[in-house]
Amino acid sequence: MNTAFSTLIRTASHEQHMEAETSTFMSDLLGGRLGVEAYARYTEQLWFVYEALEADAGRLASDPVAGPFILRELLRRGALERDLTHLRGADWRATLTALPATEAYAARVAECAREWPGGYVAHHYTRYLGDLSGGQIIRGKAEQTWGFARKGDGVRFYVFEDIGNPAAFKRGYRALLDGVRADELERQRIVAECRRAFALNTAVFHALAEEFPLTA
């Protein structure tokens, strides 16, 4: 192929990516128009997605397709659980609930993790590179709006302590994408799954917007 796979996957999913980033819920959250409860609820939904992403990480580490992407410095579940303890208290698991849209998203991630390493790579890419990039905007806004300590409890999900140079790390990650062990047809399937991942994420945002409507 003339076009690097990392470029292809980024450009092919651009429309879905922008739809997710500009969703009503995320715009209202980042604009300071929603309270900390909405942020906490969003963080709860993230836990279900990352539980699905990381539950099989150990098994996938030896897979020729997904294995290169299982990077310890990216793992987020522990940070999410620390944030939820801060946001909801030590007993946060007792009240943890997933929205139907979140259940569908997490179920698809788990299915790919079990059955289709290439699809897992698509979900891995859309989540973790997004966390390293746009996630930093969310962290800054959360610190500013709700007074969380800088890179402290409440926003640790967005803090990658073991990645000293995010730009260099993302370049390395894109090199992994370019070298993914997949033929042309499989790469097209991965691109399609990437679009699906963004659509599933956007559905969660829509559900959260319904749960936290702005009063007129």
N, C-alpha and C. Protein backbone atom coordinates (compact mmCIF):
# COMPACT_ATOMS: atom_id res chain seq x y z
N MET A 1 0.84 -1.19 0.00
CA MET A 1 0.00 0.00 0.00
C MET A 1 0.88 1.24 0.00
N ASN A 2 0.40 2.28 -0.69
CA ASN A 2 1.14 3.52 -0.72
C ASN A 2 0.93 4.35 0.54
N THR A 3 -0.25 4.23 1.14
CA THR A 3 -0.58 5.00 2.32
C THR A 3 -0.31 4.19 3.59
N ALA A 4 0.40 4.79 4.53
CA ALA A 4 0.67 4.10 5.80
C ALA A 4 -0.65 3.75 6.48
N PHE A 5 -0.69 2.58 7.11
CA PHE A 5 -1.94 2.14 7.73
C PHE A 5 -2.38 3.09 8.84
N SER A 6 -1.43 3.63 9.59
CA SER A 6 -1.79 4.57 10.65
C SER A 6 -2.47 5.82 10.08
N THR A 7 -2.04 6.24 8.91
CA THR A 7 -2.68 7.39 8.25
C THR A 7 -4.05 7.00 7.73
N LEU A 8 -4.13 5.83 7.14
CA LEU A 8 -5.41 5.35 6.60
C LEU A 8 -6.45 5.22 7.69
N ILE A 9 -6.08 4.65 8.81
CA ILE A 9 -7.05 4.41 9.88
C ILE A 9 -7.49 5.74 10.50
N ARG A 10 -6.59 6.71 10.54
CA ARG A 10 -6.96 8.03 11.09
C ARG A 10 -7.90 8.78 10.15
N THR A 11 -7.57 8.82 8.88
CA THR A 11 -8.38 9.58 7.93
C THR A 11 -9.73 8.90 7.67
N ALA A 12 -9.75 7.58 7.64
CA ALA A 12 -10.99 6.86 7.34
C ALA A 12 -12.02 7.00 8.46
N SER A 13 -11.55 7.25 9.69
CA SER A 13 -12.47 7.37 10.83
C SER A 13 -12.63 8.82 11.29
N HIS A 14 -12.15 9.76 10.48
CA HIS A 14 -12.15 11.16 10.91
C HIS A 14 -13.56 11.67 11.22
N GLU A 15 -14.51 11.35 10.34
CA GLU A 15 -15.87 11.86 10.53
C GLU A 15 -16.47 11.35 11.84
N GLN A 16 -16.31 10.05 12.11
CA GLN A 16 -16.85 9.48 13.35
C GLN A 16 -16.12 10.04 14.57
N HIS A 17 -14.82 10.28 14.41
CA HIS A 17 -14.03 10.85 15.50
C HIS A 17 -14.55 12.24 15.87
N MET A 18 -14.80 13.07 14.86
CA MET A 18 -15.27 14.42 15.11
C MET A 18 -16.66 14.41 15.73
N GLU A 19 -17.51 13.48 15.30
CA GLU A 19 -18.85 13.39 15.87
C GLU A 19 -18.78 13.06 17.36
N ALA A 20 -17.86 12.17 17.74
CA ALA A 20 -17.70 11.83 19.15
C ALA A 20 -17.19 13.02 19.94
N GLU A 21 -16.18 13.70 19.40
CA GLU A 21 -15.56 14.82 20.12
C GLU A 21 -16.52 15.99 20.31
N THR A 22 -17.43 16.18 19.36
CA THR A 22 -18.32 17.35 19.41
C THR A 22 -19.72 16.99 19.89
N SER A 23 -19.87 15.85 20.53
CA SER A 23 -21.18 15.46 21.04
C SER A 23 -21.68 16.50 22.04
N THR A 24 -23.00 16.58 22.18
CA THR A 24 -23.60 17.54 23.10
C THR A 24 -23.10 17.34 24.52
N PHE A 25 -23.07 16.09 24.96
CA PHE A 25 -22.64 15.82 26.34
C PHE A 25 -21.21 16.29 26.57
N MET A 26 -20.30 15.94 25.68
CA MET A 26 -18.91 16.31 25.89
C MET A 26 -18.73 17.83 25.78
N SER A 27 -19.45 18.45 24.87
CA SER A 27 -19.37 19.92 24.75
C SER A 27 -19.86 20.59 26.02
N ASP A 28 -20.96 20.10 26.57
CA ASP A 28 -21.50 20.67 27.80
C ASP A 28 -20.58 20.41 28.99
N LEU A 29 -19.99 19.20 29.02
CA LEU A 29 -19.09 18.86 30.12
C LEU A 29 -17.86 19.76 30.09
N LEU A 30 -17.24 19.86 28.93
CA LEU A 30 -16.02 20.67 28.81
C LEU A 30 -16.32 22.16 28.93
N GLY A 31 -17.55 22.54 28.63
CA GLY A 31 -17.92 23.95 28.75
C GLY A 31 -18.29 24.36 30.16
N GLY A 32 -18.23 23.43 31.10
CA GLY A 32 -18.54 23.75 32.48
C GLY A 32 -20.02 23.89 32.76
N ARG A 33 -20.85 23.38 31.85
CA ARG A 33 -22.30 23.54 32.02
C ARG A 33 -22.94 22.36 32.75
N LEU A 34 -22.15 21.35 33.05
CA LEU A 34 -22.64 20.20 33.80
C LEU A 34 -21.86 20.08 35.11
N GLY A 35 -22.49 19.47 36.10
CA GLY A 35 -21.85 19.34 37.39
C GLY A 35 -20.93 18.13 37.48
N VAL A 36 -20.30 18.01 38.63
CA VAL A 36 -19.34 16.93 38.83
C VAL A 36 -20.02 15.56 38.78
N GLU A 37 -21.33 15.51 39.07
CA GLU A 37 -22.05 14.24 38.99
C GLU A 37 -22.02 13.68 37.57
N ALA A 38 -22.14 14.54 36.58
CA ALA A 38 -22.07 14.08 35.18
C ALA A 38 -20.69 13.54 34.87
N TYR A 39 -19.67 14.21 35.37
CA TYR A 39 -18.29 13.74 35.17
C TYR A 39 -18.09 12.38 35.83
N ALA A 40 -18.62 12.22 37.04
CA ALA A 40 -18.49 10.94 37.75
C ALA A 40 -19.23 9.83 37.01
N ARG A 41 -20.39 10.14 36.48
CA ARG A 41 -21.16 9.15 35.74
C ARG A 41 -20.43 8.72 34.47
N TYR A 42 -19.82 9.68 33.81
CA TYR A 42 -19.02 9.37 32.63
C TYR A 42 -17.84 8.48 33.00
N THR A 43 -17.19 8.78 34.11
CA THR A 43 -16.06 7.97 34.57
C THR A 43 -16.49 6.55 34.87
N GLU A 44 -17.68 6.39 35.43
CA GLU A 44 -18.21 5.04 35.65
C GLU A 44 -18.35 4.27 34.34
N GLN A 45 -18.83 4.93 33.32
CA GLN A 45 -19.01 4.25 32.03
C GLN A 45 -17.66 3.83 31.45
N LEU A 46 -16.67 4.68 31.62
CA LEU A 46 -15.33 4.34 31.14
C LEU A 46 -14.82 3.06 31.80
N TRP A 47 -15.16 2.87 33.06
CA TRP A 47 -14.65 1.68 33.76
C TRP A 47 -15.09 0.41 33.05
N PHE A 48 -16.32 0.35 32.61
CA PHE A 48 -16.82 -0.86 31.94
C PHE A 48 -16.07 -1.11 30.63
N VAL A 49 -15.78 -0.06 29.90
CA VAL A 49 -15.08 -0.21 28.63
C VAL A 49 -13.65 -0.69 28.86
N TYR A 50 -12.97 -0.11 29.85
CA TYR A 50 -11.58 -0.49 30.11
C TYR A 50 -11.47 -1.83 30.81
N GLU A 51 -12.49 -2.21 31.54
CA GLU A 51 -12.52 -3.57 32.08
C GLU A 51 -12.53 -4.57 30.93
N ALA A 52 -13.32 -4.27 29.90
CA ALA A 52 -13.38 -5.16 28.73
C ALA A 52 -12.06 -5.13 27.95
N LEU A 53 -11.45 -3.97 27.84
CA LEU A 53 -10.19 -3.84 27.12
C LEU A 53 -9.04 -4.57 27.81
N GLU A 54 -9.03 -4.53 29.12
CA GLU A 54 -7.85 -4.98 29.85
C GLU A 54 -8.00 -6.33 30.53
N ALA A 55 -9.21 -6.86 30.58
CA ALA A 55 -9.41 -8.14 31.27
C ALA A 55 -8.61 -9.27 30.62
N ASP A 56 -8.50 -9.24 29.28
CA ASP A 56 -7.79 -10.29 28.56
C ASP A 56 -6.41 -9.85 28.08
N ALA A 57 -5.91 -8.74 28.61
CA ALA A 57 -4.63 -8.21 28.13
C ALA A 57 -3.50 -9.21 28.29
N GLY A 58 -3.49 -9.94 29.41
CA GLY A 58 -2.42 -10.90 29.63
C GLY A 58 -2.41 -12.00 28.59
N ARG A 59 -3.59 -12.50 28.24
CA ARG A 59 -3.68 -13.54 27.23
C ARG A 59 -3.30 -13.01 25.85
N LEU A 60 -3.71 -11.80 25.55
CA LEU A 60 -3.46 -11.22 24.23
C LEU A 60 -2.01 -10.82 24.03
N ALA A 61 -1.25 -10.72 25.10
CA ALA A 61 0.14 -10.28 24.99
C ALA A 61 0.96 -11.18 24.08
N SER A 62 0.59 -12.43 23.95
CA SER A 62 1.34 -13.36 23.11
C SER A 62 0.76 -13.49 21.70
N ASP A 63 -0.32 -12.75 21.43
CA ASP A 63 -0.94 -12.84 20.11
C ASP A 63 -0.11 -12.05 19.09
N PRO A 64 0.13 -12.62 17.90
CA PRO A 64 0.99 -11.92 16.93
C PRO A 64 0.41 -10.61 16.41
N VAL A 65 -0.90 -10.46 16.41
CA VAL A 65 -1.53 -9.23 15.93
C VAL A 65 -1.71 -8.22 17.06
N ALA A 66 -2.37 -8.63 18.13
CA ALA A 66 -2.69 -7.70 19.23
C ALA A 66 -1.53 -7.54 20.21
N GLY A 67 -0.68 -8.56 20.31
CA GLY A 67 0.37 -8.56 21.34
C GLY A 67 1.24 -7.31 21.39
N PRO A 68 1.72 -6.79 20.26
CA PRO A 68 2.58 -5.61 20.31
C PRO A 68 1.92 -4.39 20.93
N PHE A 69 0.58 -4.38 20.98
CA PHE A 69 -0.14 -3.22 21.50
C PHE A 69 -0.42 -3.32 23.00
N ILE A 70 -0.15 -4.47 23.60
CA ILE A 70 -0.38 -4.64 25.03
C ILE A 70 0.81 -4.03 25.77
N LEU A 71 0.68 -2.77 26.08
CA LEU A 71 1.77 -1.99 26.67
C LEU A 71 1.37 -1.59 28.10
N ARG A 72 2.19 -2.00 29.04
CA ARG A 72 1.86 -1.79 30.45
C ARG A 72 1.62 -0.32 30.77
N GLU A 73 2.36 0.57 30.14
CA GLU A 73 2.26 1.99 30.47
C GLU A 73 0.93 2.61 30.04
N LEU A 74 0.16 1.89 29.23
CA LEU A 74 -1.13 2.41 28.81
C LEU A 74 -2.28 1.99 29.73
N LEU A 75 -2.12 0.93 30.48
CA LEU A 75 -3.24 0.35 31.22
C LEU A 75 -3.90 1.39 32.15
N ARG A 76 -5.24 1.43 32.11
CA ARG A 76 -5.98 2.50 32.77
C ARG A 76 -6.92 2.04 33.88
N ARG A 77 -7.17 0.76 33.99
CA ARG A 77 -8.22 0.31 34.92
C ARG A 77 -7.90 0.70 36.37
N GLY A 78 -6.65 0.52 36.77
CA GLY A 78 -6.29 0.87 38.14
C GLY A 78 -6.48 2.35 38.43
N ALA A 79 -6.11 3.20 37.48
CA ALA A 79 -6.29 4.65 37.64
C ALA A 79 -7.76 5.00 37.70
N LEU A 80 -8.58 4.36 36.88
CA LEU A 80 -10.02 4.61 36.92
C LEU A 80 -10.60 4.23 38.28
N GLU A 81 -10.15 3.12 38.83
CA GLU A 81 -10.69 2.69 40.12
C GLU A 81 -10.28 3.66 41.23
N ARG A 82 -9.10 4.22 41.12
CA ARG A 82 -8.69 5.23 42.11
C ARG A 82 -9.54 6.49 41.97
N ASP A 83 -9.82 6.88 40.72
CA ASP A 83 -10.67 8.04 40.49
C ASP A 83 -12.08 7.80 41.03
N LEU A 84 -12.61 6.61 40.79
CA LEU A 84 -13.96 6.31 41.27
C LEU A 84 -14.03 6.27 42.79
N THR A 85 -12.98 5.81 43.43
CA THR A 85 -12.93 5.87 44.89
C THR A 85 -13.01 7.31 45.37
N HIS A 86 -12.33 8.20 44.67
CA HIS A 86 -12.36 9.62 45.03
C HIS A 86 -13.73 10.24 44.75
N LEU A 87 -14.32 9.85 43.63
CA LEU A 87 -15.59 10.46 43.21
C LEU A 87 -16.80 9.87 43.92
N ARG A 88 -16.76 8.56 44.19
CA ARG A 88 -17.94 7.88 44.71
C ARG A 88 -17.75 7.30 46.10
N GLY A 89 -16.52 7.26 46.59
CA GLY A 89 -16.26 6.66 47.89
C GLY A 89 -15.75 5.23 47.75
N ALA A 90 -15.28 4.70 48.87
CA ALA A 90 -14.65 3.38 48.85
C ALA A 90 -15.58 2.28 48.38
N ASP A 91 -16.88 2.48 48.52
CA ASP A 91 -17.85 1.46 48.17
C ASP A 91 -18.43 1.69 46.77
N TRP A 92 -17.65 2.28 45.88
CA TRP A 92 -18.16 2.69 44.56
C TRP A 92 -18.72 1.53 43.75
N ARG A 93 -18.18 0.33 43.95
CA ARG A 93 -18.67 -0.81 43.16
C ARG A 93 -20.13 -1.14 43.48
N ALA A 94 -20.58 -0.82 44.67
CA ALA A 94 -21.94 -1.17 45.08
C ALA A 94 -23.00 -0.43 44.28
N THR A 95 -22.66 0.74 43.76
CA THR A 95 -23.64 1.54 43.02
C THR A 95 -23.29 1.66 41.53
N LEU A 96 -22.27 0.95 41.11
CA LEU A 96 -21.80 1.05 39.72
C LEU A 96 -22.81 0.43 38.76
N THR A 97 -23.25 1.20 37.79
CA THR A 97 -24.19 0.69 36.78
C THR A 97 -23.77 1.18 35.40
N ALA A 98 -23.99 0.31 34.42
CA ALA A 98 -23.67 0.67 33.03
C ALA A 98 -24.93 1.06 32.29
N LEU A 99 -24.86 2.10 31.51
CA LEU A 99 -25.94 2.45 30.61
C LEU A 99 -26.05 1.37 29.53
N PRO A 100 -27.23 1.15 28.95
CA PRO A 100 -27.35 0.16 27.88
C PRO A 100 -26.35 0.39 26.74
N ALA A 101 -26.11 1.63 26.39
CA ALA A 101 -25.14 1.93 25.33
C ALA A 101 -23.73 1.51 25.75
N THR A 102 -23.43 1.67 27.03
CA THR A 102 -22.13 1.26 27.54
C THR A 102 -22.01 -0.26 27.53
N GLU A 103 -23.09 -0.94 27.90
CA GLU A 103 -23.08 -2.40 27.87
C GLU A 103 -22.80 -2.91 26.46
N ALA A 104 -23.40 -2.27 25.46
CA ALA A 104 -23.18 -2.68 24.07
C ALA A 104 -21.74 -2.43 23.65
N TYR A 105 -21.20 -1.30 24.05
CA TYR A 105 -19.81 -0.94 23.73
C TYR A 105 -18.86 -1.95 24.37
N ALA A 106 -19.01 -2.16 25.66
CA ALA A 106 -18.11 -3.07 26.37
C ALA A 106 -18.24 -4.50 25.84
N ALA A 107 -19.45 -4.90 25.50
CA ALA A 107 -19.66 -6.25 24.98
C ALA A 107 -18.94 -6.44 23.64
N ARG A 108 -18.95 -5.42 22.80
CA ARG A 108 -18.25 -5.54 21.52
C ARG A 108 -16.74 -5.59 21.73
N VAL A 109 -16.23 -4.79 22.64
CA VAL A 109 -14.80 -4.83 22.94
C VAL A 109 -14.40 -6.21 23.45
N ALA A 110 -15.19 -6.74 24.37
CA ALA A 110 -14.90 -8.06 24.94
C ALA A 110 -14.97 -9.15 23.88
N GLU A 111 -15.93 -9.04 22.96
CA GLU A 111 -16.05 -10.01 21.88
C GLU A 111 -14.80 -10.00 20.99
N CYS A 112 -14.33 -8.80 20.65
CA CYS A 112 -13.12 -8.70 19.84
C CYS A 112 -11.92 -9.25 20.59
N ALA A 113 -11.84 -8.96 21.88
CA ALA A 113 -10.72 -9.45 22.69
C ALA A 113 -10.69 -10.98 22.70
N ARG A 114 -11.86 -11.59 22.70
CA ARG A 114 -11.94 -13.07 22.73
C ARG A 114 -11.71 -13.69 21.35
N GLU A 115 -12.25 -13.04 20.31
CA GLU A 115 -12.39 -13.73 19.03
C GLU A 115 -11.66 -13.10 17.85
N TRP A 116 -11.30 -11.82 17.94
CA TRP A 116 -10.76 -11.17 16.76
C TRP A 116 -9.70 -10.14 17.16
N PRO A 117 -8.44 -10.54 17.18
CA PRO A 117 -7.36 -9.63 17.59
C PRO A 117 -7.30 -8.34 16.76
N GLY A 118 -7.59 -8.43 15.47
CA GLY A 118 -7.57 -7.23 14.65
C GLY A 118 -8.62 -6.22 15.09
N GLY A 119 -9.80 -6.71 15.42
CA GLY A 119 -10.84 -5.82 15.94
C GLY A 119 -10.45 -5.23 17.28
N TYR A 120 -9.78 -6.03 18.10
CA TYR A 120 -9.29 -5.52 19.39
C TYR A 120 -8.33 -4.36 19.17
N VAL A 121 -7.46 -4.48 18.17
CA VAL A 121 -6.52 -3.40 17.87
C VAL A 121 -7.27 -2.13 17.52
N ALA A 122 -8.37 -2.24 16.77
CA ALA A 122 -9.17 -1.07 16.42
C ALA A 122 -9.68 -0.36 17.66
N HIS A 123 -10.20 -1.11 18.61
CA HIS A 123 -10.72 -0.51 19.85
C HIS A 123 -9.59 0.04 20.71
N HIS A 124 -8.48 -0.67 20.74
CA HIS A 124 -7.31 -0.22 21.50
C HIS A 124 -6.85 1.14 20.98
N TYR A 125 -6.74 1.26 19.68
CA TYR A 125 -6.30 2.50 19.05
C TYR A 125 -7.25 3.66 19.37
N THR A 126 -8.56 3.44 19.17
CA THR A 126 -9.50 4.55 19.36
C THR A 126 -9.52 5.02 20.80
N ARG A 127 -9.34 4.12 21.75
CA ARG A 127 -9.39 4.52 23.15
C ARG A 127 -8.07 5.13 23.62
N TYR A 128 -7.00 4.39 23.54
CA TYR A 128 -5.77 4.83 24.21
C TYR A 128 -5.12 6.04 23.54
N LEU A 129 -5.13 6.10 22.22
CA LEU A 129 -4.55 7.29 21.60
C LEU A 129 -5.43 8.51 21.85
N GLY A 130 -6.73 8.28 21.98
CA GLY A 130 -7.61 9.38 22.35
C GLY A 130 -7.34 9.88 23.76
N ASP A 131 -7.07 8.94 24.67
CA ASP A 131 -6.77 9.33 26.05
C ASP A 131 -5.49 10.16 26.12
N LEU A 132 -4.51 9.78 25.33
CA LEU A 132 -3.25 10.51 25.32
C LEU A 132 -3.37 11.88 24.68
N SER A 133 -4.35 12.05 23.81
CA SER A 133 -4.49 13.31 23.08
C SER A 133 -5.61 14.14 23.69
N GLY A 134 -6.83 13.98 23.19
CA GLY A 134 -7.95 14.78 23.67
C GLY A 134 -8.25 14.60 25.14
N GLY A 135 -7.87 13.45 25.69
CA GLY A 135 -8.11 13.23 27.12
C GLY A 135 -7.43 14.26 28.00
N GLN A 136 -6.35 14.83 27.52
CA GLN A 136 -5.64 15.83 28.32
C GLN A 136 -6.44 17.13 28.44
N ILE A 137 -7.26 17.39 27.43
CA ILE A 137 -8.15 18.55 27.51
C ILE A 137 -9.20 18.32 28.59
N ILE A 138 -9.74 17.10 28.63
CA ILE A 138 -10.73 16.77 29.66
C ILE A 138 -10.12 16.91 31.04
N ARG A 139 -8.90 16.41 31.21
CA ARG A 139 -8.24 16.52 32.52
C ARG A 139 -8.10 17.97 32.96
N GLY A 140 -7.61 18.81 32.07
CA GLY A 140 -7.43 20.22 32.40
C GLY A 140 -8.74 20.90 32.77
N LYS A 141 -9.79 20.62 32.02
CA LYS A 141 -11.09 21.22 32.29
C LYS A 141 -11.65 20.72 33.62
N ALA A 142 -11.46 19.43 33.91
CA ALA A 142 -11.96 18.87 35.16
C ALA A 142 -11.24 19.50 36.36
N GLU A 143 -9.95 19.66 36.24
CA GLU A 143 -9.19 20.30 37.32
C GLU A 143 -9.67 21.73 37.54
N GLN A 144 -9.88 22.42 36.45
CA GLN A 144 -10.29 23.83 36.52
C GLN A 144 -11.73 23.97 37.04
N THR A 145 -12.62 23.11 36.57
CA THR A 145 -14.05 23.26 36.86
C THR A 145 -14.42 22.74 38.24
N TRP A 146 -13.87 21.59 38.63
CA TRP A 146 -14.29 20.96 39.88
C TRP A 146 -13.19 20.92 40.94
N GLY A 147 -12.08 21.55 40.68
CA GLY A 147 -11.06 21.72 41.71
C GLY A 147 -10.25 20.49 42.06
N PHE A 148 -10.17 19.50 41.15
CA PHE A 148 -9.31 18.36 41.42
C PHE A 148 -7.86 18.81 41.44
N ALA A 149 -7.07 18.16 42.29
CA ALA A 149 -5.64 18.45 42.31
C ALA A 149 -5.03 18.14 40.95
N ARG A 150 -4.07 18.92 40.53
CA ARG A 150 -3.46 18.72 39.23
C ARG A 150 -2.86 17.31 39.13
N LYS A 151 -3.35 16.56 38.18
CA LYS A 151 -2.94 15.18 37.94
C LYS A 151 -3.16 14.29 39.17
N GLY A 152 -4.15 14.66 39.99
CA GLY A 152 -4.40 13.91 41.23
C GLY A 152 -5.66 13.07 41.16
N ASP A 153 -6.13 12.65 42.33
CA ASP A 153 -7.32 11.81 42.41
C ASP A 153 -8.51 12.51 41.76
N GLY A 154 -9.22 11.77 40.95
CA GLY A 154 -10.33 12.32 40.19
C GLY A 154 -10.01 12.44 38.72
N VAL A 155 -8.72 12.64 38.40
CA VAL A 155 -8.30 12.77 36.99
C VAL A 155 -7.12 11.84 36.67
N ARG A 156 -6.84 10.88 37.53
CA ARG A 156 -5.67 10.03 37.29
C ARG A 156 -5.81 9.18 36.03
N PHE A 157 -7.03 8.94 35.61
CA PHE A 157 -7.25 8.20 34.37
C PHE A 157 -6.51 8.84 33.20
N TYR A 158 -6.40 10.16 33.22
CA TYR A 158 -5.79 10.90 32.11
C TYR A 158 -4.30 11.13 32.29
N VAL A 159 -3.74 10.61 33.37
CA VAL A 159 -2.33 10.84 33.68
C VAL A 159 -1.53 9.56 33.39
N PHE A 160 -0.66 9.64 32.41
CA PHE A 160 0.16 8.49 32.02
C PHE A 160 1.56 8.68 32.61
N GLU A 161 1.71 8.27 33.85
CA GLU A 161 2.93 8.55 34.58
C GLU A 161 4.16 7.89 33.97
N ASP A 162 3.96 6.79 33.27
CA ASP A 162 5.09 6.04 32.72
C ASP A 162 5.41 6.41 31.27
N ILE A 163 4.74 7.46 30.76
CA ILE A 163 5.01 7.93 29.40
C ILE A 163 5.58 9.34 29.51
N GLY A 164 6.89 9.43 29.45
CA GLY A 164 7.55 10.72 29.64
C GLY A 164 7.40 11.66 28.46
N ASN A 165 7.31 11.09 27.26
CA ASN A 165 7.21 11.89 26.04
C ASN A 165 6.03 11.38 25.22
N PRO A 166 4.82 11.94 25.45
CA PRO A 166 3.65 11.44 24.75
C PRO A 166 3.76 11.52 23.23
N ALA A 167 4.36 12.56 22.72
CA ALA A 167 4.48 12.70 21.26
C ALA A 167 5.33 11.57 20.68
N ALA A 168 6.43 11.26 21.34
CA ALA A 168 7.28 10.17 20.88
C ALA A 168 6.57 8.84 21.01
N PHE A 169 5.83 8.67 22.11
CA PHE A 169 5.09 7.43 22.31
C PHE A 169 4.07 7.23 21.20
N LYS A 170 3.35 8.29 20.85
CA LYS A 170 2.33 8.18 19.80
C LYS A 170 2.97 7.87 18.45
N ARG A 171 4.15 8.40 18.20
CA ARG A 171 4.85 8.05 16.96
C ARG A 171 5.18 6.55 16.95
N GLY A 172 5.62 6.03 18.09
CA GLY A 172 5.92 4.61 18.18
C GLY A 172 4.68 3.76 18.02
N TYR A 173 3.57 4.24 18.56
CA TYR A 173 2.31 3.50 18.45
C TYR A 173 1.87 3.45 16.99
N ARG A 174 2.01 4.56 16.30
CA ARG A 174 1.62 4.59 14.88
C ARG A 174 2.52 3.66 14.06
N ALA A 175 3.77 3.54 14.47
CA ALA A 175 4.67 2.60 13.79
C ALA A 175 4.18 1.16 14.00
N LEU A 176 3.64 0.87 15.18
CA LEU A 176 3.07 -0.46 15.43
C LEU A 176 1.88 -0.70 14.50
N LEU A 177 1.05 0.32 14.34
CA LEU A 177 -0.09 0.19 13.42
C LEU A 177 0.39 -0.08 11.99
N ASP A 178 1.41 0.66 11.58
CA ASP A 178 1.93 0.49 10.22
C ASP A 178 2.46 -0.92 10.00
N GLY A 179 2.94 -1.54 11.06
CA GLY A 179 3.51 -2.87 10.94
C GLY A 179 2.58 -3.99 11.36
N VAL A 180 1.30 -3.69 11.57
CA VAL A 180 0.38 -4.71 12.06
C VAL A 180 0.34 -5.88 11.08
N ARG A 181 0.29 -7.08 11.64
CA ARG A 181 0.34 -8.29 10.82
C ARG A 181 -1.06 -8.60 10.29
N ALA A 182 -1.38 -7.98 9.15
CA ALA A 182 -2.69 -8.16 8.54
C ALA A 182 -2.59 -7.87 7.06
N ASP A 183 -3.33 -8.64 6.27
CA ASP A 183 -3.32 -8.38 4.84
C ASP A 183 -4.28 -7.21 4.53
N GLU A 184 -4.39 -6.87 3.25
CA GLU A 184 -5.19 -5.71 2.86
C GLU A 184 -6.65 -5.84 3.28
N LEU A 185 -7.24 -7.00 3.09
CA LEU A 185 -8.64 -7.20 3.47
C LEU A 185 -8.83 -7.05 4.97
N GLU A 186 -7.92 -7.64 5.74
CA GLU A 186 -8.02 -7.53 7.20
C GLU A 186 -7.83 -6.10 7.66
N ARG A 187 -6.96 -5.38 7.01
CA ARG A 187 -6.78 -3.97 7.39
C ARG A 187 -8.04 -3.16 7.13
N GLN A 188 -8.73 -3.46 6.05
CA GLN A 188 -9.99 -2.77 5.78
C GLN A 188 -11.03 -3.12 6.85
N ARG A 189 -11.03 -4.36 7.30
CA ARG A 189 -11.94 -4.76 8.39
C ARG A 189 -11.59 -4.02 9.69
N ILE A 190 -10.32 -3.84 9.96
CA ILE A 190 -9.90 -3.11 11.15
C ILE A 190 -10.35 -1.65 11.07
N VAL A 191 -10.21 -1.05 9.90
CA VAL A 191 -10.67 0.33 9.71
C VAL A 191 -12.17 0.43 9.96
N ALA A 192 -12.93 -0.52 9.44
CA ALA A 192 -14.37 -0.52 9.65
C ALA A 192 -14.71 -0.66 11.13
N GLU A 193 -13.95 -1.49 11.85
CA GLU A 193 -14.18 -1.66 13.28
C GLU A 193 -13.82 -0.39 14.05
N CYS A 194 -12.84 0.33 13.56
CA CYS A 194 -12.48 1.61 14.16
C CYS A 194 -13.66 2.58 14.07
N ARG A 195 -14.29 2.62 12.90
CA ARG A 195 -15.48 3.47 12.75
C ARG A 195 -16.58 3.02 13.72
N ARG A 196 -16.73 1.73 13.84
CA ARG A 196 -17.74 1.19 14.76
C ARG A 196 -17.43 1.58 16.20
N ALA A 197 -16.16 1.55 16.56
CA ALA A 197 -15.76 1.93 17.92
C ALA A 197 -16.16 3.37 18.23
N PHE A 198 -15.90 4.26 17.29
CA PHE A 198 -16.29 5.66 17.51
C PHE A 198 -17.80 5.79 17.61
N ALA A 199 -18.54 5.04 16.80
CA ALA A 199 -19.99 5.10 16.85
C ALA A 199 -20.52 4.59 18.19
N LEU A 200 -19.92 3.53 18.71
CA LEU A 200 -20.32 3.00 20.01
C LEU A 200 -20.03 4.02 21.12
N ASN A 201 -18.89 4.68 21.02
CA ASN A 201 -18.54 5.71 22.00
C ASN A 201 -19.52 6.87 21.93
N THR A 202 -19.87 7.28 20.72
CA THR A 202 -20.81 8.38 20.54
C THR A 202 -22.18 8.03 21.11
N ALA A 203 -22.59 6.77 20.99
CA ALA A 203 -23.87 6.33 21.54
C ALA A 203 -23.88 6.48 23.06
N VAL A 204 -22.74 6.24 23.71
CA VAL A 204 -22.64 6.45 25.15
C VAL A 204 -22.81 7.93 25.47
N PHE A 205 -22.19 8.80 24.69
CA PHE A 205 -22.34 10.24 24.90
C PHE A 205 -23.80 10.67 24.76
N HIS A 206 -24.49 10.12 23.76
CA HIS A 206 -25.90 10.46 23.56
C HIS A 206 -26.73 10.02 24.76
N ALA A 207 -26.43 8.84 25.29
CA ALA A 207 -27.16 8.35 26.45
C ALA A 207 -26.91 9.22 27.67
N LEU A 208 -25.66 9.65 27.83
CA LEU A 208 -25.33 10.53 28.96
C LEU A 208 -25.99 11.90 28.80
N ALA A 209 -26.12 12.37 27.56
CA ALA A 209 -26.80 13.65 27.32
C ALA A 209 -28.26 13.56 27.72
N GLU A 210 -28.86 12.41 27.50
CA GLU A 210 -30.26 12.23 27.91
C GLU A 210 -30.40 12.18 29.44
N GLU A 211 -29.38 11.62 30.07
CA GLU A 211 -29.42 11.51 31.53
C GLU A 211 -29.11 12.86 32.20
N PHE A 212 -28.32 13.68 31.50
CA PHE A 212 -27.95 15.00 32.07
C PHE A 212 -28.31 16.11 31.08
N PRO A 213 -29.62 16.34 30.88
CA PRO A 213 -30.01 17.42 29.96
C PRO A 213 -29.81 18.77 30.63
N LEU A 214 -29.43 19.75 29.83
CA LEU A 214 -29.34 21.10 30.36
C LEU A 214 -30.73 21.68 30.52
N THR A 215 -30.98 22.32 31.64
CA THR A 215 -32.30 22.95 31.84
C THR A 215 -32.38 24.20 30.97
N ALA A 216 -33.55 24.44 30.46
CA ALA A 216 -33.74 25.59 29.55
C ALA A 216 -33.63 26.89 30.33
